[in-house]
Amino acid sequence: MKTNVGGIDKILRIVAGIALIAMAAMGIVGAWGWVGVVPLLTGLFGTCPAYTLLGLNTCPLNKNG
């Protein structure tokens, strides 16, 4: 898969994912907090299937390709 998540978007996804997982593990939010795995993985791998479907790209290295 091509990289389509870049810079700040990647950092925000990782931070949000970790925060949701931590809150779920501590019981602050319900089980839905484990959905934080999705933004965490998309941030770590740098690719987002939803961005591909919508034709979005926040990675400056792949804007033209």
Protein backbone atom coordinates (compact mmCIF):
# COMPACT_ATOMS: atom_id res chain seq x y z
CA MET A 1 0.00 0.00 0.00
CA LYS A 2 1.18 3.50 -0.76
CA THR A 3 1.86 5.97 2.02
CA ASN A 4 -0.93 8.54 2.19
CA VAL A 5 -0.64 9.79 5.78
CA GLY A 6 2.05 12.33 6.50
CA GLY A 7 3.51 14.62 9.14
CA ILE A 8 1.11 16.11 11.62
CA ASP A 9 -1.68 13.74 10.56
CA LYS A 10 0.53 10.77 11.48
CA ILE A 11 1.45 12.24 14.89
CA LEU A 12 -2.17 13.08 15.73
CA ARG A 13 -3.31 9.57 14.81
CA ILE A 14 -0.65 7.95 16.99
CA VAL A 15 -1.37 10.21 19.97
CA ALA A 16 -5.15 9.78 19.65
CA GLY A 17 -4.80 6.01 19.30
CA ILE A 18 -2.59 5.70 22.36
CA ALA A 19 -4.91 7.96 24.37
CA LEU A 20 -8.01 5.94 23.47
CA ILE A 21 -6.32 2.62 24.20
CA ALA A 22 -5.02 3.92 27.54
CA MET A 23 -8.45 5.23 28.54
CA ALA A 24 -10.06 1.91 27.59
CA ALA A 25 -7.43 -0.03 29.56
CA MET A 26 -8.01 2.15 32.64
CA GLY A 27 -11.78 1.87 32.37
CA ILE A 28 -12.35 5.58 31.77
CA VAL A 29 -14.24 4.89 28.55
CA GLY A 30 -16.08 1.76 27.55
CA ALA A 31 -14.89 -1.00 25.27
CA TRP A 32 -15.31 1.31 22.27
CA GLY A 33 -12.03 2.93 23.33
CA TRP A 34 -10.20 -0.06 21.84
CA VAL A 35 -11.07 1.41 18.44
CA GLY A 36 -7.93 3.48 19.13
CA VAL A 37 -6.00 0.59 17.60
CA VAL A 38 -7.16 1.78 14.15
CA PRO A 39 -5.68 5.31 14.25
CA LEU A 40 -2.59 3.97 16.00
CA LEU A 41 -1.90 1.44 13.24
CA THR A 42 -2.72 3.83 10.39
CA GLY A 43 -0.34 6.36 11.95
CA LEU A 44 2.44 3.84 12.45
CA PHE A 45 2.14 2.32 8.97
CA GLY A 46 1.49 5.65 7.23
CA THR A 47 -1.42 4.41 5.18
CA CYS A 48 -5.15 4.87 5.63
CA PRO A 49 -7.63 2.76 3.63
CA ALA A 50 -10.34 5.42 4.07
CA TYR A 51 -8.03 8.06 2.55
CA THR A 52 -7.49 5.76 -0.43
CA LEU A 53 -11.25 5.36 -0.95
CA LEU A 54 -11.81 9.12 -0.66
CA GLY A 55 -8.80 10.06 -2.79
CA LEU A 56 -7.11 11.98 0.04
CA ASN A 57 -3.38 12.23 0.66
CA THR A 58 -1.62 14.20 3.41
CA CYS A 59 1.85 12.86 2.62
CA PRO A 60 3.85 15.59 0.87
CA LEU A 61 6.21 13.04 -0.74
CA ASN A 62 3.41 11.34 -2.70
CA LYS A 63 1.28 14.29 -3.85
CA ASN A 64 1.99 13.70 -7.53
CA GLY A 65 2.27 9.95 -7.57
